[in-house]
Structure formats: C-alpha cells, structure tokens
PDB file of N, CA and C in Angstrom:
ATOM      1  N   MET A   1     -72.422  28.370 -20.562  1.00  0.00           N
ATOM      2  CA  MET A   1     -70.246  27.438 -20.877  1.00  0.00           C
ATOM      3  C   MET A   1     -70.587  28.044 -21.969  1.00  0.00           C
ATOM      4  N   SER A   2     -68.734  28.883 -22.294  1.00  0.00           N
ATOM      5  CA  SER A   2     -68.364  29.357 -22.631  1.00  0.00           C
ATOM      6  C   SER A   2     -67.232  27.869 -24.129  1.00  0.00           C
ATOM      7  N   ARG A   3     -67.414  27.741 -25.260  1.00  0.00           N
ATOM      8  CA  ARG A   3     -67.125  27.257 -25.838  1.00  0.00           C
ATOM      9  C   ARG A   3     -65.760  27.310 -26.337  1.00  0.00           C
ATOM     10  N   ILE A   4     -64.384  26.958 -26.524  1.00  0.00           N
ATOM     11  CA  ILE A   4     -63.216  28.028 -26.675  1.00  0.00           C
ATOM     12  C   ILE A   4     -62.287  26.915 -27.970  1.00  0.00           C
ATOM     13  N   ALA A   5     -62.065  26.844 -28.136  1.00  0.00           N
ATOM     14  CA  ALA A   5     -60.406  27.205 -29.171  1.00  0.00           C
ATOM     15  C   ALA A   5     -59.018  27.722 -29.277  1.00  0.00           C
ATOM     16  N   ILE A   6     -58.310  27.285 -28.845  1.00  0.00           N
ATOM     17  CA  ILE A   6     -57.322  27.360 -29.292  1.00  0.00           C
ATOM     18  C   ILE A   6     -56.254  27.092 -30.949  1.00  0.00           C
ATOM     19  N   MET A   7     -55.062  28.230 -31.039  1.00  0.00           N
ATOM     20  CA  MET A   7     -55.003  27.953 -31.959  1.00  0.00           C
ATOM     21  C   MET A   7     -53.179  28.724 -31.355  1.00  0.00           C
ATOM     22  N   SER A   8     -52.592  27.476 -31.417  1.00  0.00           N
ATOM     23  CA  SER A   8     -50.926  27.822 -30.883  1.00  0.00           C
ATOM     24  C   SER A   8     -49.868  28.123 -31.788  1.00  0.00           C
ATOM     25  N   CYS A   9     -48.361  27.859 -31.646  1.00  0.00           N
ATOM     26  CA  CYS A   9     -47.061  28.144 -32.482  1.00  0.00           C
ATOM     27  C   CYS A   9     -46.852  27.178 -32.338  1.00  0.00           C
ATOM     28  N   GLN A  10     -47.272  26.924 -33.759  1.00  0.00           N
ATOM     29  CA  GLN A  10     -46.645  24.605 -34.134  1.00  0.00           C
ATOM     30  C   GLN A  10     -44.969  25.063 -33.451  1.00  0.00           C
ATOM     31  N   ASN A  11     -44.404  25.886 -33.788  1.00  0.00           N
ATOM     32  CA  ASN A  11     -42.677  25.465 -33.725  1.00  0.00           C
ATOM     33  C   ASN A  11     -42.198  26.078 -32.150  1.00  0.00           C
ATOM     34  N   ILE A  12     -43.821  26.507 -31.050  1.00  0.00           N
ATOM     35  CA  ILE A  12     -43.171  26.823 -29.191  1.00  0.00           C
ATOM     36  C   ILE A  12     -43.656  25.368 -28.578  1.00  0.00           C
ATOM     37  N   LYS A  13     -45.113  25.241 -29.829  1.00  0.00           N
ATOM     38  CA  LYS A  13     -46.416  23.345 -28.895  1.00  0.00           C
ATOM     39  C   LYS A  13     -45.285  22.762 -28.662  1.00  0.00           C
ATOM     40  N   ASP A  14     -45.151  22.014 -27.241  1.00  0.00           N
ATOM     41  CA  ASP A  14     -45.092  20.675 -26.584  1.00  0.00           C
ATOM     42  C   ASP A  14     -42.923  20.937 -27.134  1.00  0.00           C
ATOM     43  N   LYS A  15     -42.692  21.786 -27.154  1.00  0.00           N
ATOM     44  CA  LYS A  15     -41.198  22.368 -27.124  1.00  0.00           C
ATOM     45  C   LYS A  15     -40.812  22.821 -26.300  1.00  0.00           C
ATOM     46  N   MET A  16     -41.365  24.273 -25.969  1.00  0.00           N
ATOM     47  CA  MET A  16     -40.663  25.091 -25.160  1.00  0.00           C
ATOM     48  C   MET A  16     -42.740  25.290 -23.860  1.00  0.00           C
ATOM     49  N   CYS A  17     -43.203  25.638 -24.399  1.00  0.00           N
ATOM     50  CA  CYS A  17     -44.280  25.316 -24.092  1.00  0.00           C
ATOM     51  C   CYS A  17     -45.555  23.617 -24.116  1.00  0.00           C
ATOM     52  N   ILE A  18     -44.630  22.757 -22.796  1.00  0.00           N
ATOM     53  CA  ILE A  18     -45.138  21.433 -23.139  1.00  0.00           C
ATOM     54  C   ILE A  18     -46.501  21.404 -22.412  1.00  0.00           C
ATOM     55  N   GLY A  19     -46.939  20.525 -23.295  1.00  0.00           N
ATOM     56  CA  GLY A  19     -48.408  20.546 -22.790  1.00  0.00           C
ATOM     57  C   GLY A  19     -49.755  20.990 -22.958  1.00  0.00           C
ATOM     58  N   CYS A  20     -48.851  22.440 -23.270  1.00  0.00           N
ATOM     59  CA  CYS A  20     -50.115  23.358 -22.984  1.00  0.00           C
ATOM     60  C   CYS A  20     -50.296  23.692 -21.651  1.00  0.00           C
ATOM     61  N   VAL A  21     -49.110  23.239 -20.508  1.00  0.00           N
ATOM     62  CA  VAL A  21     -50.246  23.335 -18.858  1.00  0.00           C
ATOM     63  C   VAL A  21     -50.487  24.813 -18.389  1.00  0.00           C
ATOM     64  N   THR A  22     -49.502  26.049 -19.370  1.00  0.00           N
ATOM     65  CA  THR A  22     -49.997  27.861 -18.852  1.00  0.00           C
ATOM     66  C   THR A  22     -50.797  27.725 -18.754  1.00  0.00           C
ATOM     67  N   CYS A  23     -51.231  27.435 -20.830  1.00  0.00           N
ATOM     68  CA  CYS A  23     -52.847  27.639 -20.903  1.00  0.00           C
ATOM     69  C   CYS A  23     -54.052  27.006 -19.799  1.00  0.00           C
ATOM     70  N   PHE A  24     -53.912  25.771 -19.812  1.00  0.00           N
ATOM     71  CA  PHE A  24     -54.743  25.060 -18.789  1.00  0.00           C
ATOM     72  C   PHE A  24     -54.700  25.646 -17.400  1.00  0.00           C
ATOM     73  N   LYS A  25     -53.601  26.212 -16.254  1.00  0.00           N
ATOM     74  CA  LYS A  25     -53.512  26.637 -15.693  1.00  0.00           C
ATOM     75  C   LYS A  25     -54.397  27.865 -15.216  1.00  0.00           C
ATOM     76  N   ALA A  26     -54.243  29.299 -16.538  1.00  0.00           N
ATOM     77  CA  ALA A  26     -55.093  29.791 -16.776  1.00  0.00           C
ATOM     78  C   ALA A  26     -56.744  29.944 -16.691  1.00  0.00           C
ATOM     79  N   MET A  27     -56.496  29.121 -17.551  1.00  0.00           N
ATOM     80  CA  MET A  27     -58.649  28.714 -17.631  1.00  0.00           C
ATOM     81  C   MET A  27     -59.326  28.473 -16.214  1.00  0.00           C
ATOM     82  N   GLN A  28     -58.579  27.422 -15.333  1.00  0.00           N
ATOM     83  CA  GLN A  28     -58.654  26.742 -14.279  1.00  0.00           C
ATOM     84  C   GLN A  28     -58.764  28.387 -13.433  1.00  0.00           C
ATOM     85  N   ARG A  29     -57.663  28.957 -13.151  1.00  0.00           N
ATOM     86  CA  ARG A  29     -57.994  30.112 -12.785  1.00  0.00           C
ATOM     87  C   ARG A  29     -58.548  31.340 -12.833  1.00  0.00           C
ATOM     88  N   LYS A  30     -58.926  30.933 -14.955  1.00  0.00           N
ATOM     89  CA  LYS A  30     -59.140  32.855 -14.680  1.00  0.00           C
ATOM     90  C   LYS A  30     -58.616  33.846 -15.001  1.00  0.00           C
ATOM     91  N   ASP A  31     -57.575  33.616 -15.058  1.00  0.00           N
ATOM     92  CA  ASP A  31     -56.462  34.569 -15.503  1.00  0.00           C
ATOM     93  C   ASP A  31     -56.289  35.358 -16.615  1.00  0.00           C
ATOM     94  N   GLY A  32     -55.601  36.371 -16.905  1.00  0.00           N
ATOM     95  CA  GLY A  32     -55.387  36.263 -18.554  1.00  0.00           C
ATOM     96  C   GLY A  32     -56.412  36.890 -18.970  1.00  0.00           C
ATOM     97  N   GLU A  33     -56.471  36.145 -20.515  1.00  0.00           N
ATOM     98  CA  GLU A  33     -57.565  36.295 -21.166  1.00  0.00           C
ATOM     99  C   GLU A  33     -58.608  35.498 -20.883  1.00  0.00           C
ATOM    100  N   PHE A  34     -58.824  34.444 -19.993  1.00  0.00           N
ATOM    101  CA  PHE A  34     -59.699  33.914 -19.451  1.00  0.00           C
ATOM    102  C   PHE A  34     -60.057  34.549 -18.396  1.00  0.00           C
ATOM    103  N   ALA A  35     -59.987  35.450 -18.291  1.00  0.00           N
ATOM    104  CA  ALA A  35     -60.374  36.218 -16.525  1.00  0.00           C
ATOM    105  C   ALA A  35     -61.871  37.052 -17.554  1.00  0.00           C
ATOM    106  N   ARG A  36     -62.234  37.097 -18.617  1.00  0.00           N
ATOM    107  CA  ARG A  36     -62.898  37.345 -19.499  1.00  0.00           C
ATOM    108  C   ARG A  36     -65.003  36.205 -19.121  1.00  0.00           C
ATOM    109  N   TYR A  37     -64.080  35.209 -18.864  1.00  0.00           N
ATOM    110  CA  TYR A  37     -65.073  34.441 -19.185  1.00  0.00           C
ATOM    111  C   TYR A  37     -65.862  34.074 -17.190  1.00  0.00           C
ATOM    112  N   LYS A  38     -67.112  34.170 -17.431  1.00  0.00           N
ATOM    113  CA  LYS A  38     -67.693  34.271 -15.987  1.00  0.00           C
ATOM    114  C   LYS A  38     -68.523  33.207 -15.847  1.00  0.00           C
ATOM    115  N   ASP A  39     -68.557  32.051 -16.781  1.00  0.00           N
ATOM    116  CA  ASP A  39     -69.526  30.610 -16.961  1.00  0.00           C
ATOM    117  C   ASP A  39     -68.079  30.141 -16.894  1.00  0.00           C
ATOM    118  N   ASP A  40     -68.631  29.056 -16.550  1.00  0.00           N
ATOM    119  CA  ASP A  40     -67.547  27.861 -17.013  1.00  0.00           C
ATOM    120  C   ASP A  40     -67.014  27.720 -18.847  1.00  0.00           C
ATOM    121  N   ILE A  41     -65.507  27.510 -18.688  1.00  0.00           N
ATOM    122  CA  ILE A  41     -65.473  27.238 -20.077  1.00  0.00           C
ATOM    123  C   ILE A  41     -64.643  25.580 -20.631  1.00  0.00           C
ATOM    124  N   GLN A  42     -65.342  25.730 -21.446  1.00  0.00           N
ATOM    125  CA  GLN A  42     -64.949  23.855 -21.873  1.00  0.00           C
ATOM    126  C   GLN A  42     -63.911  24.499 -22.826  1.00  0.00           C
ATOM    127  N   VAL A  43     -63.247  24.000 -23.411  1.00  0.00           N
ATOM    128  CA  VAL A  43     -61.999  23.694 -24.212  1.00  0.00           C
ATOM    129  C   VAL A  43     -62.747  22.228 -25.731  1.00  0.00           C
ATOM    130  N   VAL A  44     -63.213  22.932 -26.586  1.00  0.00           N
ATOM    131  CA  VAL A  44     -63.533  21.959 -27.906  1.00  0.00           C
ATOM    132  C   VAL A  44     -62.604  21.429 -28.735  1.00  0.00           C
ATOM    133  N   ALA A  45     -61.745  22.494 -29.044  1.00  0.00           N
ATOM    134  CA  ALA A  45     -60.253  22.152 -30.199  1.00  0.00           C
ATOM    135  C   ALA A  45     -59.157  22.848 -28.940  1.00  0.00           C
ATOM    136  N   MET A  46     -58.168  22.327 -30.320  1.00  0.00           N
ATOM    137  CA  MET A  46     -57.254  22.937 -29.372  1.00  0.00           C
ATOM    138  C   MET A  46     -56.498  22.569 -30.970  1.00  0.00           C
ATOM    139  N   CYS A  47     -55.512  23.335 -31.839  1.00  0.00           N
ATOM    140  CA  CYS A  47     -54.622  23.202 -33.455  1.00  0.00           C
ATOM    141  C   CYS A  47     -53.108  24.161 -32.883  1.00  0.00           C
ATOM    142  N   ASP A  48     -52.668  23.501 -33.617  1.00  0.00           N
ATOM    143  CA  ASP A  48     -51.310  24.468 -34.203  1.00  0.00           C
ATOM    144  C   ASP A  48     -52.070  25.727 -35.666  1.00  0.00           C
ATOM    145  N   CYS A  49     -50.499  26.342 -35.501  1.00  0.00           N
ATOM    146  CA  CYS A  49     -51.140  27.179 -36.583  1.00  0.00           C
ATOM    147  C   CYS A  49     -50.632  27.251 -38.455  1.00  0.00           C
ATOM    148  N   GLY A  50     -49.739  25.638 -37.924  1.00  0.00           N
ATOM    149  CA  GLY A  50     -49.611  24.814 -39.275  1.00  0.00           C
ATOM    150  C   GLY A  50     -48.166  25.379 -39.626  1.00  0.00           C
ATOM    151  N   GLY A  51     -47.762  26.137 -38.782  1.00  0.00           N
ATOM    152  CA  GLY A  51     -46.212  26.264 -38.901  1.00  0.00           C
ATOM    153  C   GLY A  51     -45.810  27.310 -39.831  1.00  0.00           C
ATOM    154  N   CYS A  52     -44.145  28.196 -40.085  1.00  0.00           N
ATOM    155  CA  CYS A  52     -44.410  29.383 -40.733  1.00  0.00           C
ATOM    156  C   CYS A  52     -44.121  28.410 -43.113  1.00  0.00           C
ATOM    157  N   PRO A  53     -44.657  29.722 -43.323  1.00  0.00           N
ATOM    158  CA  PRO A  53     -44.461  30.609 -43.224  1.00  0.00           C
ATOM    159  C   PRO A  53     -46.260  31.199 -42.485  1.00  0.00           C
ATOM    160  N   GLY A  54     -46.993  30.644 -42.140  1.00  0.00           N
ATOM    161  CA  GLY A  54     -47.991  31.010 -41.666  1.00  0.00           C
ATOM    162  C   GLY A  54     -49.358  30.170 -42.851  1.00  0.00           C
ATOM    163  N   LEU A  55     -49.945  28.625 -41.521  1.00  0.00           N
ATOM    164  CA  LEU A  55     -50.825  28.060 -42.869  1.00  0.00           C
ATOM    165  C   LEU A  55     -52.212  27.949 -41.653  1.00  0.00           C
ATOM    166  N   ALA A  56     -52.229  29.567 -40.748  1.00  0.00           N
ATOM    167  CA  ALA A  56     -53.149  29.503 -40.263  1.00  0.00           C
ATOM    168  C   ALA A  56     -54.710  29.383 -40.263  1.00  0.00           C
ATOM    169  N   MET A  57     -54.959  30.128 -41.847  1.00  0.00           N
ATOM    170  CA  MET A  57     -56.356  29.390 -42.031  1.00  0.00           C
ATOM    171  C   MET A  57     -56.693  27.876 -43.025  1.00  0.00           C
ATOM    172  N   PRO A  58     -55.652  28.116 -43.304  1.00  0.00           N
ATOM    173  CA  PRO A  58     -56.047  26.246 -43.737  1.00  0.00           C
ATOM    174  C   PRO A  58     -56.174  25.628 -42.704  1.00  0.00           C
ATOM    175  N   LYS A  59     -55.394  25.390 -41.391  1.00  0.00           N
ATOM    176  CA  LYS A  59     -54.940  24.301 -40.392  1.00  0.00           C
ATOM    177  C   LYS A  59     -56.910  25.057 -39.914  1.00  0.00           C
ATOM    178  N   LEU A  60     -56.887  26.174 -39.224  1.00  0.00           N
ATOM    179  CA  LEU A  60     -58.570  26.487 -38.844  1.00  0.00           C
ATOM    180  C   LEU A  60     -60.084  25.814 -39.481  1.00  0.00           C
ATOM    181  N   ASN A  61     -59.620  26.404 -41.237  1.00  0.00           N
ATOM    182  CA  ASN A  61     -60.319  25.853 -41.762  1.00  0.00           C
ATOM    183  C   ASN A  61     -60.518  24.022 -41.739  1.00  0.00           C
ATOM    184  N   LEU A  62     -59.627  22.452 -41.570  1.00  0.00           N
ATOM    185  CA  LEU A  62     -59.828  22.038 -40.732  1.00  0.00           C
ATOM    186  C   LEU A  62     -60.350  21.482 -39.713  1.00  0.00           C
ATOM    187  N   VAL A  63     -59.990  21.971 -38.544  1.00  0.00           N
ATOM    188  CA  VAL A  63     -60.551  22.359 -37.572  1.00  0.00           C
ATOM    189  C   VAL A  63     -61.806  22.529 -37.258  1.00  0.00           C
ATOM    190  N   ARG A  64     -62.506  24.343 -38.568  1.00  0.00           N
ATOM    191  CA  ARG A  64     -64.275  23.689 -37.859  1.00  0.00           C
ATOM    192  C   ARG A  64     -64.579  22.676 -39.387  1.00  0.00           C
ATOM    193  N   HIS A  65     -64.173  22.091 -39.705  1.00  0.00           N
ATOM    194  CA  HIS A  65     -64.229  20.453 -40.301  1.00  0.00           C
ATOM    195  C   HIS A  65     -64.527  19.623 -39.755  1.00  0.00           C
ATOM    196  N   ILE A  66     -63.693  19.202 -38.698  1.00  0.00           N
ATOM    197  CA  ILE A  66     -63.538  18.556 -37.965  1.00  0.00           C
ATOM    198  C   ILE A  66     -64.551  18.944 -36.525  1.00  0.00           C
ATOM    199  N   CYS A  67     -64.475  19.804 -36.262  1.00  0.00           N
ATOM    200  CA  CYS A  67     -66.017  19.621 -35.372  1.00  0.00           C
ATOM    201  C   CYS A  67     -67.517  19.835 -35.496  1.00  0.00           C
ATOM    202  N   ASN A  68     -67.361  20.112 -37.285  1.00  0.00           N
ATOM    203  CA  ASN A  68     -68.592  19.790 -37.330  1.00  0.00           C
ATOM    204  C   ASN A  68     -68.796  18.681 -37.793  1.00  0.00           C
ATOM    205  N   GLN A  69     -67.829  18.044 -38.182  1.00  0.00           N
ATOM    206  CA  GLN A  69     -68.340  15.675 -38.223  1.00  0.00           C
ATOM    207  C   GLN A  69     -68.513  15.889 -37.225  1.00  0.00           C
ATOM    208  N   ASN A  70     -67.911  16.128 -35.686  1.00  0.00           N
ATOM    209  CA  ASN A  70     -68.503  15.536 -34.300  1.00  0.00           C
ATOM    210  C   ASN A  70     -68.906  16.619 -34.000  1.00  0.00           C
ATOM    211  N   GLY A  71     -70.271  17.356 -34.381  1.00  0.00           N
ATOM    212  CA  GLY A  71     -71.169  17.748 -34.015  1.00  0.00           C
ATOM    213  C   GLY A  71     -70.809  18.923 -32.593  1.00  0.00           C
ATOM    214  N   VAL A  72     -69.632  19.193 -33.068  1.00  0.00           N
ATOM    215  CA  VAL A  72     -69.154  20.812 -31.860  1.00  0.00           C
ATOM    216  C   VAL A  72     -68.916  20.946 -32.371  1.00  0.00           C
ATOM    217  N   ASP A  73     -69.096  22.982 -31.777  1.00  0.00           N
ATOM    218  CA  ASP A  73     -68.563  23.659 -32.311  1.00  0.00           C
ATOM    219  C   ASP A  73     -68.078  24.990 -30.967  1.00  0.00           C
ATOM    220  N   PHE A  74     -67.538  25.615 -31.712  1.00  0.00           N
ATOM    221  CA  PHE A  74     -66.659  27.076 -30.396  1.00  0.00           C
ATOM    222  C   PHE A  74     -67.275  28.133 -30.955  1.00  0.00           C
ATOM    223  N   ASP A  75     -67.406  28.803 -29.372  1.00  0.00           N
ATOM    224  CA  ASP A  75     -67.661  30.291 -29.276  1.00  0.00           C
ATOM    225  C   ASP A  75     -66.502  31.408 -29.657  1.00  0.00           C
ATOM    226  N   VAL A  76     -65.784  30.866 -29.499  1.00  0.00           N
ATOM    227  CA  VAL A  76     -64.411  32.040 -28.950  1.00  0.00           C
ATOM    228  C   VAL A  76     -62.943  30.925 -29.445  1.00  0.00           C
ATOM    229  N   LEU A  77     -62.695  31.401 -30.407  1.00  0.00           N
ATOM    230  CA  LEU A  77     -61.008  31.189 -30.716  1.00  0.00           C
ATOM    231  C   LEU A  77     -59.952  32.400 -30.421  1.00  0.00           C
ATOM    232  N   HIS A  78     -59.173  31.300 -29.060  1.00  0.00           N
ATOM    233  CA  HIS A  78     -58.273  32.310 -28.469  1.00  0.00           C
ATOM    234  C   HIS A  78     -56.893  31.958 -29.330  1.00  0.00           C
ATOM    235  N   LEU A  79     -56.038  33.145 -29.600  1.00  0.00           N
ATOM    236  CA  LEU A  79     -54.577  33.181 -30.676  1.00  0.00           C
ATOM    237  C   LEU A  79     -53.914  32.565 -29.225  1.00  0.00           C
ATOM    238  N   GLY A  80     -52.805  31.106 -29.397  1.00  0.00           N
ATOM    239  CA  GLY A  80     -52.623  31.860 -27.799  1.00  0.00           C
ATOM    240  C   GLY A  80     -50.969  32.425 -27.437  1.00  0.00           C
ATOM    241  N   THR A  81     -50.884  32.977 -26.545  1.00  0.00           N
ATOM    242  CA  THR A  81     -49.595  33.492 -26.004  1.00  0.00           C
ATOM    243  C   THR A  81     -48.628  33.291 -26.358  1.00  0.00           C
ATOM    244  N   CYS A  82     -47.911  31.561 -26.653  1.00  0.00           N
ATOM    245  CA  CYS A  82     -47.151  31.037 -27.444  1.00  0.00           C
ATOM    246  C   CYS A  82     -46.428  32.027 -29.196  1.00  0.00           C
ATOM    247  N   LEU A  83     -48.169  32.059 -29.576  1.00  0.00           N
ATOM    248  CA  LEU A  83     -48.675  32.574 -30.750  1.00  0.00           C
ATOM    249  C   LEU A  83     -47.856  33.792 -31.211  1.00  0.00           C
ATOM    250  N   VAL A  84     -48.535  34.721 -30.029  1.00  0.00           N
ATOM    251  CA  VAL A  84     -48.197  35.797 -30.391  1.00  0.00           C
ATOM    252  C   VAL A  84     -46.977  36.658 -29.529  1.00  0.00           C
ATOM    253  N   LYS A  85     -46.539  35.353 -28.739  1.00  0.00           N
ATOM    254  CA  LYS A  85     -44.724  35.973 -28.312  1.00  0.00           C
ATOM    255  C   LYS A  85     -44.140  35.578 -29.392  1.00  0.00           C
ATOM    256  N   ALA A  86     -44.500  34.426 -30.243  1.00  0.00           N
ATOM    257  CA  ALA A  86     -43.327  34.255 -31.695  1.00  0.00           C
ATOM    258  C   ALA A  86     -43.385  34.672 -31.957  1.00  0.00           C
ATOM    259  N   ALA A  87     -44.360  35.864 -32.923  1.00  0.00           N
ATOM    260  CA  ALA A  87     -45.219  37.133 -34.238  1.00  0.00           C
ATOM    261  C   ALA A  87     -44.231  38.246 -33.688  1.00  0.00           C
ATOM    262  N   LYS A  88     -44.010  38.211 -32.150  1.00  0.00           N
ATOM    263  CA  LYS A  88     -43.139  39.419 -31.620  1.00  0.00           C
ATOM    264  C   LYS A  88     -42.291  39.768 -31.284  1.00  0.00           C
ATOM    265  N   THR A  89     -41.856  38.728 -31.072  1.00  0.00           N
ATOM    266  CA  THR A  89     -40.046  38.553 -30.765  1.00  0.00           C
ATOM    267  C   THR A  89     -39.167  37.773 -31.886  1.00  0.00           C
ATOM    268  N   SER A  90     -40.011  36.729 -32.246  1.00  0.00           N
ATOM    269  CA  SER A  90     -38.932  35.755 -32.843  1.00  0.00           C
ATOM    270  C   SER A  90     -38.961  35.747 -33.837  1.00  0.00           C
ATOM    271  N   GLY A  91     -39.651  36.668 -35.044  1.00  0.00           N
ATOM    272  CA  GLY A  91     -39.580  37.103 -36.798  1.00  0.00           C
ATOM    273  C   GLY A  91     -40.748  35.288 -37.102  1.00  0.00           C
ATOM    274  N   CYS A  92     -41.795  35.228 -36.448  1.00  0.00           N
ATOM    275  CA  CYS A  92     -42.768  34.544 -36.505  1.00  0.00           C
ATOM    276  C   CYS A  92     -43.490  35.501 -38.318  1.00  0.00           C
ATOM    277  N   PRO A  93     -43.538  35.407 -39.088  1.00  0.00           N
ATOM    278  CA  PRO A  93     -44.453  36.376 -40.527  1.00  0.00           C
ATOM    279  C   PRO A  93     -45.703  36.096 -39.371  1.00  0.00           C
ATOM    280  N   ILE A  94     -47.147  35.675 -38.992  1.00  0.00           N
ATOM    281  CA  ILE A  94     -48.052  35.955 -38.980  1.00  0.00           C
ATOM    282  C   ILE A  94     -48.109  37.269 -37.962  1.00  0.00           C
ATOM    283  N   ASP A  95     -48.875  38.243 -38.846  1.00  0.00           N
ATOM    284  CA  ASP A  95     -49.290  39.537 -38.238  1.00  0.00           C
ATOM    285  C   ASP A  95     -50.836  39.057 -36.943  1.00  0.00           C
ATOM    286  N   VAL A  96     -50.549  38.863 -36.386  1.00  0.00           N
ATOM    287  CA  VAL A  96     -51.818  38.205 -35.097  1.00  0.00           C
ATOM    288  C   VAL A  96     -52.792  39.327 -35.288  1.00  0.00           C
ATOM    289  N   ASP A  97     -53.188  40.626 -35.465  1.00  0.00           N
ATOM    290  CA  ASP A  97     -54.000  41.813 -35.621  1.00  0.00           C
ATOM    291  C   ASP A  97     -55.057  41.196 -36.708  1.00  0.00           C
ATOM    292  N   LYS A  98     -54.136  40.604 -37.959  1.00  0.00           N
ATOM    293  CA  LYS A  98     -54.931  40.810 -39.072  1.00  0.00           C
ATOM    294  C   LYS A  98     -55.539  39.530 -39.645  1.00  0.00           C
ATOM    295  N   LEU A  99     -54.607  38.395 -38.283  1.00  0.00           N
ATOM    296  CA  LEU A  99     -55.089  36.726 -38.597  1.00  0.00           C
ATOM    297  C   LEU A  99     -56.251  36.953 -37.803  1.00  0.00           C
ATOM    298  N   LYS A 100     -56.237  37.865 -37.008  1.00  0.00           N
ATOM    299  CA  LYS A 100     -57.635  38.108 -35.902  1.00  0.00           C
ATOM    300  C   LYS A 100     -58.157  38.800 -36.803  1.00  0.00           C
ATOM    301  N   LYS A 101     -58.525  39.245 -38.213  1.00  0.00           N
ATOM    302  CA  LYS A 101     -59.670  40.346 -38.211  1.00  0.00           C
ATOM    303  C   LYS A 101     -59.775  39.525 -39.583  1.00  0.00           C
ATOM    304  N   MET A 102     -58.787  38.832 -40.492  1.00  0.00           N
ATOM    305  CA  MET A 102     -59.963  37.389 -41.000  1.00  0.00           C
ATOM    306  C   MET A 102     -60.119  36.495 -40.569  1.00  0.00           C
ATOM    307  N   ILE A 103     -59.780  36.083 -39.643  1.00  0.00           N
ATOM    308  CA  ILE A 103     -60.289  34.694 -38.846  1.00  0.00           C
ATOM    309  C   ILE A 103     -61.731  35.407 -38.542  1.00  0.00           C
ATOM    310  N   GLU A 104     -61.939  36.560 -37.592  1.00  0.00           N
ATOM    311  CA  GLU A 104     -63.067  36.375 -37.496  1.00  0.00           C
ATOM    312  C   GLU A 104     -64.346  37.050 -38.760  1.00  0.00           C
ATOM    313  N   ASP A 105     -63.585  37.725 -39.780  1.00  0.00           N
ATOM    314  CA  ASP A 105     -64.702  37.928 -41.025  1.00  0.00           C
ATOM    315  C   ASP A 105     -64.389  36.679 -41.720  1.00  0.00           C
ATOM    316  N   THR A 106     -63.551  35.562 -42.278  1.00  0.00           N
ATOM    317  CA  THR A 106     -64.357  34.661 -42.709  1.00  0.00           C
ATOM    318  C   THR A 106     -65.265  33.908 -41.778  1.00  0.00           C
ATOM    319  N   THR A 107     -65.201  33.517 -40.158  1.00  0.00           N
ATOM    320  CA  THR A 107     -65.944  32.682 -39.609  1.00  0.00           C
ATOM    321  C   THR A 107     -67.447  32.880 -38.761  1.00  0.00           C
ATOM    322  N   GLY A 108     -66.754  34.263 -38.288  1.00  0.00           N
ATOM    323  CA  GLY A 108     -68.012  35.555 -37.702  1.00  0.00           C
ATOM    324  C   GLY A 108     -68.491  34.806 -35.839  1.00  0.00           C
ATOM    325  N   LYS A 109     -66.801  34.014 -35.960  1.00  0.00           N
ATOM    326  CA  LYS A 109     -66.345  34.145 -34.438  1.00  0.00           C
ATOM    327  C   LYS A 109     -65.888  34.943 -34.031  1.00  0.00           C
ATOM    328  N   GLU A 110     -65.584  35.766 -32.217  1.00  0.00           N
ATOM    329  CA  GLU A 110     -65.006  36.517 -32.248  1.00  0.00           C
ATOM    330  C   GLU A 110     -63.214  35.625 -31.748  1.00  0.00           C
ATOM    331  N   VAL A 111     -62.452  36.195 -31.910  1.00  0.00           N
ATOM    332  CA  VAL A 111     -60.875  35.904 -31.519  1.00  0.00           C
ATOM    333  C   VAL A 111     -60.254  36.927 -30.962  1.00  0.00           C
ATOM    334  N   VAL A 112     -59.247  35.830 -29.685  1.00  0.00           N
ATOM    335  CA  VAL A 112     -59.191  37.199 -28.290  1.00  0.00           C
ATOM    336  C   VAL A 112     -57.348  36.365 -28.602  1.00  0.00           C
ATOM    337  N   ILE A 113     -56.637  38.162 -28.711  1.00  0.00           N
ATOM    338  CA  ILE A 113     -55.361  37.711 -28.878  1.00  0.00           C
ATOM    339  C   ILE A 113     -54.887  37.259 -27.431  1.00  0.00           C
ATOM    340  N   GLY A 114     -54.177  36.035 -27.129  1.00  0.00           N
ATOM    341  CA  GLY A 114     -53.271  35.591 -25.855  1.00  0.00           C
ATOM    342  C   GLY A 114     -54.591  34.697 -24.728  1.00  0.00           C
ATOM    343  N   THR A 115     -53.651  33.938 -24.562  1.00  0.00           N
ATOM    344  CA  THR A 115     -54.692  32.867 -23.793  1.00  0.00           C
ATOM    345  C   THR A 115     -54.557  33.504 -21.658  1.00  0.00           C
ATOM    346  N   HIS A 116     -53.121  33.802 -21.627  1.00  0.00           N
ATOM    347  CA  HIS A 116     -51.859  33.885 -20.162  1.00  0.00           C
ATOM    348  C   HIS A 116     -51.001  34.801 -20.395  1.00  0.00           C
ATOM    349  N   ASN A 117     -51.217  34.900 -19.041  1.00  0.00           N
ATOM    350  CA  ASN A 117     -49.667  36.213 -18.777  1.00  0.00           C
ATOM    351  C   ASN A 117     -48.603  36.173 -17.690  1.00  0.00           C
ATOM    352  N   TYR A 118     -48.464  34.922 -17.854  1.00  0.00           N
ATOM    353  CA  TYR A 118     -47.092  34.002 -17.321  1.00  0.00           C
ATOM    354  C   TYR A 118     -45.962  34.328 -18.087  1.00  0.00           C
TER     355      TYR A 118
END
C-alpha cells in the first residue's frame, strides 16, 4: 500500500476546490498522477502550503512532526494540482520545481508534482 500526503494551495483549497473532491476522485480512479500506483493508496496526511509568500517547508515540518507523534508516515508527497495551477497562473511565489527538490533533499521522500488532470 502506498501511503501518501497531499499539500494543497491555501488560497484555493475549500474556496474554489471544495473538499478536495477532485483529488479523491482521481485517487479512486487512479487518474492523473495517481496512475503511477499499482497498489492501494492510503492518504495519511493532507495540508496546505501555509499561505503566501510560501511557508510550505515549516508547514511540512509540522505535518511530519504530527505524523511522527501519531505513529504514521508517508512514502510520497503530492503537490496538489491546485498548488501547481496557482504557481503557474495566479502569481503564487512558490517555485514548484524548487520546492520539490527542497522537500526531497530535506526529507528523503519522493515528491510528485500534481494530483489530477481535471
């Protein structure tokens, strides 16, 4: 079973993308970036980026700490499609490729850019 965490855009989550329904739909159907998983997917954590100007690393460190306290861990972190779209079209200051590398270098975990293609 693949254990994943998803980081979304704080400005979009629950404002334009209500309840992350499209991410869950893609997971269930193994669409978009979830097509890579051959086994079952378990979401163990969801968080937002911490808001502009980009507090993603402190937010992720808090998520990792809380996961550790609760005896859970994730194998892969997905940067949500909302975060990717915000960075590309809405003036979000986050450089998604830089963030991916920073997270991988800091945590040793795989980071996937995107969730769904809807």
